[in-house]
Protein backbone atom coordinates (compact mmCIF):
# COMPACT_ATOMS: atom_id res chain seq x y z
CA MET A 1 -28.60 41.91 5.07
CA GLY A 2 -29.78 45.34 3.84
CA THR A 3 -33.18 46.94 3.44
CA GLU A 4 -35.51 45.59 0.78
CA PRO A 5 -36.69 48.13 -1.83
CA SER A 6 -40.32 49.19 -1.89
CA ALA A 7 -42.61 48.77 -4.88
CA GLY A 8 -42.10 52.43 -5.76
CA ASP A 9 -38.31 52.13 -5.88
CA ALA A 10 -37.88 49.53 -8.63
CA ALA A 11 -34.75 51.20 -9.97
CA VAL A 12 -33.09 51.42 -6.54
CA ALA A 13 -30.72 48.57 -5.67
CA VAL A 14 -29.89 47.89 -2.04
CA ALA A 15 -26.96 45.88 -0.73
CA VAL A 16 -27.67 42.43 0.67
CA GLU A 17 -25.54 39.59 1.98
CA PHE A 18 -26.21 35.97 2.74
CA GLY A 19 -24.37 32.71 3.18
CA GLY A 20 -24.89 29.01 3.32
CA PRO A 21 -23.36 25.77 4.53
CA ARG A 22 -19.66 25.50 3.68
CA ILE A 23 -19.61 28.68 1.55
CA PRO A 24 -18.30 32.17 2.37
CA VAL A 25 -20.48 35.25 2.78
CA LEU A 26 -21.97 36.30 -0.55
CA ARG A 27 -22.88 39.89 -1.31
CA GLY A 28 -25.14 41.35 -3.94
CA GLN A 29 -27.80 43.86 -4.84
CA LEU A 30 -31.57 43.54 -4.59
CA SER A 31 -33.89 45.71 -6.66
CA GLY A 32 -37.56 45.74 -7.54
CA ALA A 33 -40.42 44.31 -5.51
CA GLY A 34 -42.69 41.37 -6.17
CA GLU A 35 -43.36 37.72 -5.41
CA ARG A 36 -41.60 36.68 -8.63
CA TRP A 37 -37.83 36.77 -8.28
CA ALA A 38 -35.04 36.72 -10.84
CA VAL A 39 -31.67 35.56 -9.53
CA LEU A 40 -28.76 36.57 -11.76
CA VAL A 41 -25.55 34.48 -11.76
CA HIS A 42 -22.41 35.79 -13.46
CA ASP A 43 -19.55 33.84 -15.08
CA VAL A 44 -16.12 33.15 -13.63
CA GLY A 45 -13.90 36.24 -13.73
CA LYS A 46 -16.84 38.66 -13.84
CA ASP A 47 -19.16 40.20 -11.28
CA LEU A 48 -22.74 41.36 -10.87
CA ASP A 49 -22.16 44.63 -12.73
CA GLY A 50 -22.69 42.89 -16.06
CA TRP A 51 -26.38 42.46 -15.22
CA ARG A 52 -27.13 46.16 -14.65
CA ASP A 53 -29.36 46.80 -17.69
CA LEU A 54 -31.23 43.50 -17.47
CA ALA A 55 -31.77 43.91 -13.72
CA ALA A 56 -33.31 47.34 -14.25
CA GLU A 57 -35.67 46.03 -16.95
CA LEU A 58 -36.77 43.05 -14.87
CA ALA A 59 -37.33 45.22 -11.78
CA GLY A 60 -39.34 47.60 -13.92
CA ARG A 61 -41.64 44.73 -14.87
CA GLY A 62 -42.54 43.94 -11.28
CA LEU A 63 -39.92 41.36 -10.34
CA SER A 64 -37.62 41.31 -7.36
CA VAL A 65 -34.12 40.99 -8.81
CA LEU A 66 -31.15 39.57 -6.93
CA ALA A 67 -27.76 39.94 -8.60
CA PHE A 68 -24.92 38.59 -6.49
CA ASP A 69 -21.19 37.97 -6.69
CA LEU A 70 -19.94 34.39 -6.68
CA PRO A 71 -17.37 33.45 -4.01
CA GLY A 72 -14.04 35.14 -4.62
CA HIS A 73 -15.59 37.66 -7.01
CA GLY A 74 -16.63 41.27 -6.58
CA ALA A 75 -17.67 42.03 -3.01
CA SER A 76 -18.18 38.40 -1.92
CA ASP A 77 -15.72 36.69 0.39
CA ASP A 78 -12.89 34.46 -0.83
CA PRO A 79 -12.05 31.85 -1.87
CA TRP A 80 -13.24 30.98 -5.36
CA GLU A 81 -13.43 27.26 -6.08
CA SER A 82 -15.46 25.91 -8.97
CA GLN A 83 -17.29 23.46 -6.74
CA LEU A 84 -18.73 26.42 -4.80
CA ALA A 85 -20.75 27.69 -7.78
CA LEU A 86 -23.72 25.37 -7.25
CA PRO A 87 -23.94 25.88 -3.46
CA ALA A 88 -23.75 29.64 -4.05
CA VAL A 89 -26.72 29.53 -6.43
CA LEU A 90 -28.67 27.39 -3.97
CA ALA A 91 -27.90 29.89 -1.20
CA ALA A 92 -29.27 32.67 -3.42
CA VAL A 93 -32.42 30.64 -4.07
CA ASN A 94 -32.80 30.11 -0.32
CA PHE A 95 -32.46 33.86 0.21
CA ALA A 96 -35.24 34.46 -2.30
CA THR A 97 -37.60 31.85 -0.89
CA THR A 98 -37.13 33.06 2.68
CA HIS A 99 -37.85 36.64 1.61
CA GLY A 100 -41.23 36.04 0.05
CA SER A 101 -40.52 34.57 -3.37
CA ARG A 102 -43.20 32.36 -4.85
CA ARG A 103 -41.41 31.87 -8.17
CA VAL A 104 -37.65 31.95 -8.72
CA HIS A 105 -36.29 32.44 -12.24
CA LEU A 106 -32.57 31.82 -12.64
CA VAL A 107 -30.55 33.70 -15.26
CA GLY A 108 -26.91 32.70 -15.60
CA GLU A 109 -23.97 33.15 -17.93
CA GLY A 110 -21.14 30.74 -18.70
CA VAL A 111 -20.27 28.69 -15.62
CA GLY A 112 -23.06 30.51 -13.79
CA ALA A 113 -25.54 29.20 -16.35
CA ILE A 114 -24.40 25.63 -15.72
CA ALA A 115 -24.70 26.13 -11.96
CA ALA A 116 -28.22 27.51 -12.48
CA LEU A 117 -29.23 24.47 -14.52
CA ALA A 118 -27.80 22.12 -11.90
CA ALA A 119 -29.67 24.01 -9.18
CA ALA A 120 -32.92 23.64 -11.12
CA ALA A 121 -32.30 19.91 -11.43
CA GLY A 122 -32.25 19.53 -7.67
CA ARG A 123 -34.72 22.23 -6.61
CA SER A 124 -37.54 21.93 -9.13
CA ASN A 125 -40.16 22.93 -6.54
CA ASP A 126 -38.48 26.28 -5.92
CA ILE A 127 -37.18 27.18 -9.39
CA THR A 128 -39.62 28.09 -12.16
CA SER A 129 -37.33 28.61 -15.16
CA VAL A 130 -33.73 29.03 -16.28
CA ALA A 131 -32.24 31.34 -18.90
CA ALA A 132 -28.70 30.22 -19.78
CA LEU A 133 -26.47 32.67 -21.64
CA SER A 134 -23.53 30.96 -23.36
CA PRO A 135 -23.51 27.93 -21.00
CA ARG A 136 -20.02 26.58 -20.44
CA LEU A 137 -19.34 23.27 -18.72
CA VAL A 138 -16.27 23.36 -16.48
CA GLY A 139 -15.07 20.61 -14.16
CA HIS A 140 -16.36 20.52 -10.58
CA VAL A 141 -19.31 22.85 -11.22
CA ALA A 142 -21.85 20.14 -12.09
CA ALA A 143 -22.02 16.79 -13.82
CA VAL A 144 -23.50 16.59 -17.30
CA SER A 145 -26.25 14.35 -15.93
CA ASP A 146 -27.19 17.00 -13.34
CA VAL A 147 -27.57 19.66 -16.02
CA ARG A 148 -29.73 17.40 -18.18
CA GLU A 149 -32.14 16.79 -15.30
CA ALA A 150 -33.22 20.42 -15.14
CA ARG A 151 -36.77 19.87 -16.40
CA VAL A 152 -38.09 23.41 -15.92
CA PRO A 153 -38.61 25.61 -19.01
CA LYS A 154 -35.22 26.69 -20.33
CA LEU A 155 -33.95 29.35 -22.70
CA ILE A 156 -30.42 29.14 -24.09
CA LEU A 157 -28.89 32.21 -25.72
CA VAL A 158 -25.56 32.23 -27.53
CA GLY A 159 -23.59 34.49 -29.82
CA SER A 160 -23.58 32.48 -33.04
CA LEU A 161 -20.45 34.08 -34.50
CA ASP A 162 -18.29 32.22 -31.98
CA PRO A 163 -18.30 28.61 -33.29
CA ALA A 164 -16.95 27.09 -30.06
CA ALA A 165 -19.53 28.84 -27.90
CA ASP A 166 -22.28 27.89 -30.35
CA GLU A 167 -21.20 24.25 -30.20
CA ARG A 168 -21.23 24.25 -26.40
CA ALA A 169 -24.71 25.80 -26.32
CA GLU A 170 -25.99 23.32 -28.88
CA ALA A 171 -24.70 20.42 -26.79
CA VAL A 172 -26.60 21.68 -23.73
CA PHE A 173 -29.72 22.21 -25.85
CA ARG A 174 -29.61 18.73 -27.39
CA GLY A 175 -29.08 17.10 -24.02
CA ALA A 176 -31.88 18.97 -22.27
CA ILE A 177 -34.87 17.18 -20.81
CA GLY A 178 -38.16 19.04 -20.79
CA PRO A 179 -39.07 22.30 -22.55
CA CYS A 180 -36.04 24.10 -23.98
CA GLU A 181 -35.46 26.64 -26.72
CA ILE A 182 -32.27 28.07 -28.13
CA GLY A 183 -31.80 31.56 -29.51
CA ARG A 184 -28.80 32.53 -31.58
CA ILE A 185 -27.77 36.19 -31.66
CA PRO A 186 -25.51 37.01 -34.67
CA VAL A 187 -22.62 38.42 -32.63
CA ALA A 188 -19.29 37.14 -31.32
CA ALA A 189 -19.99 38.37 -27.79
CA GLN A 190 -21.03 35.87 -25.14
CA GLY A 191 -22.62 35.85 -21.70
CA THR A 192 -23.72 39.25 -20.47
CA GLY A 193 -21.98 40.67 -23.54
CA LEU A 194 -25.06 39.47 -25.45
CA LEU A 195 -27.07 42.07 -23.55
CA LEU A 196 -25.01 44.97 -24.89
CA GLY A 197 -24.53 46.61 -28.27
CA ASP A 198 -26.96 46.98 -31.14
CA LEU A 199 -28.61 43.60 -30.54
CA GLY A 200 -28.54 43.76 -26.75
CA GLN A 201 -32.15 44.88 -26.51
CA GLN A 202 -33.20 41.87 -28.57
CA ALA A 203 -31.39 39.53 -26.19
CA ARG A 204 -32.85 41.22 -23.11
CA GLU A 205 -36.35 41.02 -24.58
CA LYS A 206 -35.91 37.28 -25.16
CA VAL A 207 -34.95 36.76 -21.52
CA LEU A 208 -37.83 38.92 -20.29
CA ALA A 209 -40.36 37.16 -22.52
CA HIS A 210 -39.13 33.76 -21.35
CA ILE A 211 -39.59 34.72 -17.72
CA LEU A 212 -42.98 36.33 -18.20
CA ARG A 213 -44.30 33.25 -20.02
CA GLN A 214 -43.77 31.26 -16.86
CA ALA A 215 -45.48 33.80 -14.59
């Protein structure tokens, strides 16, 4: 499973692994130390490396940060199947709650954002908030009704210069139940790409502020 970082080693990430019913072994990195946890969920075709800057900032603000690879991605075991996204997120939440988390904040991109919203719909007692970067509904990840039932505070971020991505984000926003805000960054980049470039700091600050408001 790996050794958990101490409070003085916020910038140090240690390797962890965990699993769950009917899913392969998942591997990731844990940094920071604190009872508030941020669990970072990447999109299909990517891996946890896209979260590096955000993970460092969140760990520096006193959160434990778990970034992990979805099944069939990065260091996690095969196979990848879209229906494994939600169980993988739930396994990550279980890892957090069994390692001292009192509040779990989910941050996801693309398909990972949809899986995070679906997880929040079913685990409202464990999940405090969701930040969804460029949410993208894909078959077998979650039903539209599951996503709508995520009643925790939600932040949606999207690059507004991509009309299709903006439309998808708007649809999730309009269908949301409970507190939800949408932020549009004037770039074509999406997902963790929003966290990079000239406006990346602005996007990261929005995510951080959203999480800290729920602390």
